[in-house]
Amino acid sequence: MKMRTEKEMFDLILGTARDDERIRAVIMNGSRANKDVKKDCFQDYDIVYLVTDVRPYVKDKHWIDRFGRLMILQMPEDRSEHPYDYDSGRPFTYLMQFMDGTRIDLTLYPANEYKDNGEPAVSLLDKDSILPEFSDCNDQCYWIKPPTQREFEECCNEFWWLCPYVAKELWRNGLPMAKTLLERNIRSEFMKMLDWYIGSKHDYKVGTGKKDKYIRSYLTHEEWISLKKTYPDLKTDNIWNALFCMCTIFREKAQALANVCGYEYPLEEDHHVLNYIEHIRKLPRDAGEIF
C-alpha cells in the first residue's frame, strides 16, 4: 500500500473541514508545526478541529472513516477508568494509525473555548477569524528549565534512595523487578539530572526532545558511550554494572551542576549509599544478616 503524500493528507484534512460547516477552524501543532524539527516519513499530523459542537463527532464514530483504512485506533478520553460523558461537549481525541503508514492525531475542541497554550502551532483554516496570531514556531517552549534548589535536592535524594532497591532485588535474584526499578524509577531521576546538566552547558536554550530522543546531540562521544552502558539486558552482572555506571555519571553531572548553580551536592549520602550497595553485591546469597 503506497503511503499518501503530505499534499494528499492536507487536502483530506482541510477538505473535510471546508465541507463541514460545523468545523470553524483547523490548527496544526506537534512536530510539523515546529520549524526546528527535521522532517521524516514517520511524523504524525497533529490536528485540532475547532467545532461548534463536539458531541456529534463522538456519538457517531464512523465519521472518521473518511480519513482512511485504520490499522489501530485509540480514544484517550474514552478509557474505562474514566469513561467519557457523551453529552458533555468536552474535547475529544481520535488517535488514528492508518494502514498506509500515515497517522492523524485529531482533537475536536469547542470553538468558543480554545486557548493558545504556547506550544508550536500553525493556523491552517480560520473561517471566522477566531484564532490568535501564533508566534514564529520553534522549540523554545521545550527548552530545559533550570532546577530550583529544592528540585535539585529532591532529585539527588530520590536517586540515591532508590539505588538500594535495585541492589536488594539483584541479591534476591529478582531480575525483572530490578530491571524495572532501574529503567523506570531510577532512570527518571538520572535523566532529569542529565538534562539539567546539558541545559546548564547551553544557557538553558536547548531541549533534548520527548523521552530525551535528541540527547545524543548534546553529549560528547565519551559521554554517549558511558550513557549506553546504563542500558543493560537481563543478566545480573550487566544490571549491576549499569547501576554503578549510573551512579558515576549522576555524581559527576550533579556535582558540576551544583557548582554552577551554587547548590550543595549530598556527597555524604552518595558515599554511604554507594558503599552499602557495593556491600550488597558482595554479600553471600545465604547470608542471614546484612552486616
Protein backbone atom coordinates (compact mmCIF):
# COMPACT_ATOMS: atom_id res chain seq x y z
CA MET A 1 0.00 0.00 0.00
CA LYS A 2 1.52 3.31 -1.09
CA MET A 3 1.85 5.95 1.61
CA ARG A 4 -0.15 9.11 0.96
CA THR A 5 1.84 12.26 0.30
CA GLU A 6 1.84 15.30 2.55
CA LYS A 7 -0.25 17.16 -0.04
CA GLU A 8 -2.82 14.38 -0.15
CA MET A 9 -3.10 14.38 3.63
CA PHE A 10 -3.51 18.13 3.90
CA ASP A 11 -6.06 18.10 1.08
CA LEU A 12 -8.01 15.46 3.01
CA ILE A 13 -7.75 17.21 6.37
CA LEU A 14 -8.62 20.65 5.04
CA GLY A 15 -11.16 19.40 2.51
CA THR A 16 -13.07 17.69 5.31
CA ALA A 17 -13.06 20.93 7.30
CA ARG A 18 -14.10 23.14 4.39
CA ASP A 19 -17.02 20.87 3.51
CA ASP A 20 -18.34 20.74 7.08
CA GLU A 21 -19.94 23.96 8.35
CA ARG A 22 -19.61 22.75 11.93
CA ILE A 23 -15.81 22.87 11.69
CA ARG A 24 -14.85 26.52 12.06
CA ALA A 25 -11.07 26.38 12.23
CA VAL A 26 -8.13 24.00 11.83
CA ILE A 27 -4.88 24.14 13.76
CA MET A 28 -1.77 22.03 13.29
CA ASN A 29 0.59 21.52 16.21
CA GLY A 30 3.25 18.97 17.10
CA SER A 31 6.45 18.37 15.16
CA ARG A 32 5.07 19.51 11.80
CA ALA A 33 4.39 22.94 13.29
CA ASN A 34 7.93 23.21 14.63
CA LYS A 35 10.40 24.53 12.08
CA ASP A 36 13.32 23.27 14.18
CA VAL A 37 12.29 19.61 13.84
CA LYS A 38 13.73 17.67 10.93
CA LYS A 39 11.02 16.16 8.74
CA ASP A 40 10.74 12.43 8.25
CA CYS A 41 8.18 9.91 6.99
CA PHE A 42 7.03 8.95 10.50
CA GLN A 43 5.80 12.41 11.54
CA ASP A 44 2.18 12.47 12.65
CA TYR A 45 -0.38 15.04 11.57
CA ASP A 46 -1.34 16.63 14.89
CA ILE A 47 -4.56 18.40 14.07
CA VAL A 48 -7.16 20.33 16.06
CA TYR A 49 -10.65 20.91 14.64
CA LEU A 50 -12.46 23.76 16.38
CA VAL A 51 -16.12 22.84 16.09
CA THR A 52 -19.47 24.32 17.04
CA ASP A 53 -20.40 21.16 18.93
CA VAL A 54 -18.14 18.24 19.81
CA ARG A 55 -20.96 15.82 20.64
CA PRO A 56 -21.97 14.72 17.12
CA TYR A 57 -18.36 13.79 16.34
CA VAL A 58 -18.07 11.45 19.33
CA LYS A 59 -21.53 9.90 19.21
CA ASP A 60 -21.06 8.72 15.60
CA LYS A 61 -17.51 7.44 15.36
CA HIS A 62 -17.91 6.23 11.78
CA TRP A 63 -17.39 9.78 10.51
CA ILE A 64 -13.61 9.22 10.79
CA ASP A 65 -13.81 6.50 8.11
CA ARG A 66 -13.19 9.24 5.54
CA PHE A 67 -9.59 9.60 6.69
CA GLY A 68 -8.51 6.15 5.54
CA ARG A 69 -8.26 2.48 6.40
CA LEU A 70 -7.37 2.16 10.05
CA MET A 71 -4.68 -0.12 11.40
CA ILE A 72 -5.47 0.76 15.01
CA LEU A 73 -7.42 3.45 16.86
CA GLN A 74 -7.18 4.98 20.32
CA MET A 75 -9.57 7.38 22.03
CA PRO A 76 -7.78 8.55 25.21
CA GLU A 77 -10.79 10.33 26.69
CA ASP A 78 -12.89 7.17 26.49
CA ARG A 79 -10.84 4.89 28.71
CA SER A 80 -12.73 2.53 31.02
CA GLU A 81 -11.34 4.08 34.21
CA HIS A 82 -12.66 7.50 33.21
CA PRO A 83 -15.49 6.93 30.71
CA TYR A 84 -16.33 9.91 28.54
CA ASP A 85 -19.63 11.70 29.09
CA TYR A 86 -21.01 11.83 25.55
CA ASP A 87 -23.32 14.72 26.42
CA SER A 88 -20.59 16.88 27.94
CA GLY A 89 -19.23 18.50 24.80
CA ARG A 90 -15.72 18.27 26.20
CA PRO A 91 -12.71 17.94 23.85
CA PHE A 92 -12.29 14.50 22.32
CA THR A 93 -9.31 12.95 20.54
CA TYR A 94 -9.02 10.30 17.84
CA LEU A 95 -5.52 8.82 17.53
CA MET A 96 -5.61 7.17 14.10
CA GLN A 97 -2.84 4.96 12.70
CA PHE A 98 -3.62 4.05 9.08
CA MET A 99 -2.63 1.04 7.04
CA ASP A 100 -0.55 3.14 4.63
CA GLY A 101 1.75 4.32 7.46
CA THR A 102 0.25 7.79 7.90
CA ARG A 103 -1.14 8.86 11.26
CA ILE A 104 -3.50 11.62 12.34
CA ASP A 105 -3.90 12.69 15.96
CA LEU A 106 -7.13 14.63 15.71
CA THR A 107 -8.60 16.60 18.61
CA LEU A 108 -12.10 18.05 18.43
CA TYR A 109 -12.36 21.20 20.52
CA PRO A 110 -15.26 23.56 21.22
CA ALA A 111 -14.55 26.64 19.11
CA ASN A 112 -15.59 29.07 21.85
CA GLU A 113 -13.30 27.51 24.46
CA TYR A 114 -9.98 27.28 22.61
CA LYS A 115 -6.96 28.93 24.24
CA ASP A 116 -3.43 29.07 22.89
CA ASN A 117 -1.17 27.01 25.19
CA GLY A 118 2.06 28.49 23.83
CA GLU A 119 3.24 25.35 22.06
CA PRO A 120 4.21 25.43 18.37
CA ALA A 121 1.06 25.78 16.28
CA VAL A 122 0.06 26.81 12.76
CA SER A 123 -3.33 28.07 11.59
CA LEU A 124 -4.45 26.03 8.57
CA LEU A 125 -8.02 27.33 8.29
CA ASP A 126 -9.97 30.05 10.11
CA LYS A 127 -13.48 30.61 8.79
CA ASP A 128 -14.47 33.19 11.42
CA SER A 129 -11.10 34.83 12.25
CA ILE A 130 -11.24 33.39 15.76
CA LEU A 131 -7.68 32.11 16.04
CA PRO A 132 -4.91 34.04 17.81
CA GLU A 133 -1.83 35.09 15.87
CA PHE A 134 0.58 32.27 16.53
CA SER A 135 4.19 33.30 17.01
CA ASP A 136 7.02 32.09 14.80
CA CYS A 137 7.08 28.42 15.69
CA ASN A 138 10.19 26.89 17.19
CA ASP A 139 11.08 24.66 20.08
CA GLN A 140 11.67 27.31 22.76
CA CYS A 141 8.72 26.05 24.80
CA TYR A 142 10.54 22.70 25.10
CA TRP A 143 13.83 24.13 26.33
CA ILE A 144 15.19 22.66 29.54
CA LYS A 145 14.39 24.80 32.56
CA PRO A 146 17.00 25.25 35.33
CA PRO A 147 16.23 23.39 38.55
CA THR A 148 15.35 25.18 41.74
CA GLN A 149 17.46 24.27 44.74
CA ARG A 150 14.63 22.14 46.09
CA GLU A 151 14.19 20.33 42.77
CA PHE A 152 17.90 19.61 42.66
CA GLU A 153 17.95 18.33 46.24
CA GLU A 154 14.88 16.15 45.74
CA CYS A 155 16.33 14.63 42.58
CA CYS A 156 19.58 13.72 44.34
CA ASN A 157 17.74 12.33 47.34
CA GLU A 158 15.36 10.23 45.24
CA PHE A 159 18.15 8.84 43.05
CA TRP A 160 20.26 7.65 45.96
CA TRP A 161 17.21 6.48 47.90
CA LEU A 162 16.20 4.18 45.03
CA CYS A 163 19.59 2.61 44.33
CA PRO A 164 19.42 0.10 47.24
CA TYR A 165 16.09 -1.19 45.91
CA VAL A 166 17.82 -2.42 42.77
CA ALA A 167 20.69 -3.88 44.78
CA LYS A 168 18.33 -5.82 47.08
CA GLU A 169 16.41 -7.27 44.15
CA LEU A 170 19.62 -8.33 42.43
CA TRP A 171 20.72 -10.09 45.62
CA ARG A 172 17.31 -11.83 45.72
CA ASN A 173 17.70 -12.75 42.04
CA GLY A 174 14.58 -10.75 41.26
CA LEU A 175 15.85 -9.71 37.85
CA PRO A 176 12.59 -8.43 36.27
CA MET A 177 11.86 -6.18 39.25
CA ALA A 178 15.46 -4.97 39.46
CA LYS A 179 15.46 -4.11 35.76
CA THR A 180 12.11 -2.33 36.03
CA LEU A 181 13.25 -0.28 39.02
CA LEU A 182 16.42 0.67 37.20
CA GLU A 183 14.72 1.67 33.95
CA ARG A 184 11.53 3.23 35.26
CA ASN A 185 12.29 4.73 38.66
CA ILE A 186 16.00 5.42 38.85
CA ARG A 187 16.34 6.40 35.20
CA SER A 188 13.69 9.08 35.64
CA GLU A 189 15.87 10.91 38.18
CA PHE A 190 19.05 10.08 36.29
CA MET A 191 17.83 11.57 33.01
CA LYS A 192 16.37 14.58 34.80
CA MET A 193 19.81 15.40 36.21
CA LEU A 194 21.47 14.77 32.86
CA ASP A 195 19.02 17.12 31.16
CA TRP A 196 19.68 19.86 33.73
CA TYR A 197 23.40 19.43 33.21
CA ILE A 198 23.00 19.72 29.42
CA GLY A 199 20.78 22.76 29.88
CA SER A 200 23.38 24.45 32.06
CA LYS A 201 26.05 23.90 29.39
CA HIS A 202 23.87 25.70 26.81
CA ASP A 203 22.42 28.53 28.90
CA TYR A 204 19.13 26.59 29.05
CA LYS A 205 18.38 27.32 25.39
CA VAL A 206 18.18 23.71 24.23
CA GLY A 207 15.81 20.80 24.57
CA THR A 208 16.57 17.08 24.43
CA GLY A 209 13.16 16.19 22.98
CA LYS A 210 10.42 13.84 24.08
CA LYS A 211 11.86 11.00 26.17
CA ASP A 212 15.32 12.52 25.51
CA LYS A 213 15.35 11.34 21.90
CA TYR A 214 17.77 14.11 20.86
CA ILE A 215 20.10 13.80 23.84
CA ARG A 216 22.95 12.28 21.82
CA SER A 217 23.38 15.62 20.03
CA TYR A 218 24.40 17.28 23.30
CA LEU A 219 26.81 14.67 24.61
CA THR A 220 30.46 14.12 23.80
CA HIS A 221 31.43 10.81 22.24
CA GLU A 222 32.73 9.59 25.60
CA GLU A 223 29.54 10.70 27.40
CA TRP A 224 27.42 8.88 24.85
CA ILE A 225 29.42 5.68 25.25
CA SER A 226 29.01 5.92 29.03
CA LEU A 227 25.28 6.54 28.75
CA LYS A 228 24.83 3.47 26.55
CA LYS A 229 26.40 1.36 29.30
CA THR A 230 23.49 2.24 31.59
CA TYR A 231 21.07 0.24 29.39
CA PRO A 232 21.62 -3.42 30.34
CA ASP A 233 19.99 -6.69 29.33
CA LEU A 234 18.50 -9.06 31.92
CA LYS A 235 21.81 -10.51 33.09
CA THR A 236 22.67 -9.93 36.74
CA ASP A 237 26.23 -8.67 36.25
CA ASN A 238 25.15 -6.30 33.48
CA ILE A 239 22.43 -4.75 35.65
CA TRP A 240 24.94 -4.30 38.46
CA ASN A 241 27.40 -2.64 36.08
CA ALA A 242 24.70 -0.38 34.68
CA LEU A 243 23.67 0.67 38.18
CA PHE A 244 27.22 1.62 39.16
CA CYS A 245 27.72 3.39 35.84
CA MET A 246 24.58 5.42 36.53
CA CYS A 247 25.93 6.32 39.97
CA THR A 248 29.21 7.56 38.49
CA ILE A 249 27.55 9.67 35.80
CA PHE A 250 24.93 11.04 38.19
CA ARG A 251 27.55 12.15 40.71
CA GLU A 252 29.73 13.75 38.05
CA LYS A 253 26.92 15.71 36.39
CA ALA A 254 25.17 16.63 39.63
CA GLN A 255 28.37 17.98 41.16
CA ALA A 256 29.09 20.02 38.02
CA LEU A 257 25.56 21.41 38.07
CA ALA A 258 25.77 22.16 41.79
CA ASN A 259 28.92 24.21 41.21
CA VAL A 260 27.20 26.25 38.51
CA CYS A 261 24.00 26.82 40.50
CA GLY A 262 25.62 27.37 43.87
CA TYR A 263 23.88 24.33 45.36
CA GLU A 264 25.32 21.72 47.70
CA TYR A 265 25.69 18.17 46.45
CA PRO A 266 24.93 15.48 49.12
CA LEU A 267 28.30 13.79 48.88
CA GLU A 268 27.95 12.08 52.27
CA GLU A 269 24.67 10.41 51.26
CA ASP A 270 26.26 9.46 47.95
CA HIS A 271 29.20 7.71 49.68
CA HIS A 272 27.04 5.97 52.27
CA VAL A 273 24.62 4.55 49.70
CA LEU A 274 27.36 3.57 47.27
CA ASN A 275 29.24 1.70 50.00
CA TYR A 276 26.01 -0.02 51.01
CA ILE A 277 25.13 -1.28 47.53
CA GLU A 278 28.73 -2.37 46.95
CA HIS A 279 28.43 -4.36 50.17
CA ILE A 280 25.18 -5.95 48.98
CA ARG A 281 26.82 -7.01 45.71
CA LYS A 282 29.45 -8.95 47.66
CA LEU A 283 27.00 -10.36 50.23
CA PRO A 284 26.67 -14.18 50.03
CA ARG A 285 23.28 -15.41 48.85
CA ASP A 286 22.80 -17.46 52.02
CA ALA A 287 23.57 -14.56 54.36
CA GLY A 288 21.23 -14.28 57.34
CA GLU A 289 22.24 -10.74 58.15
CA ILE A 290 23.25 -7.74 56.10
CA PHE A 291 26.25 -6.86 58.27
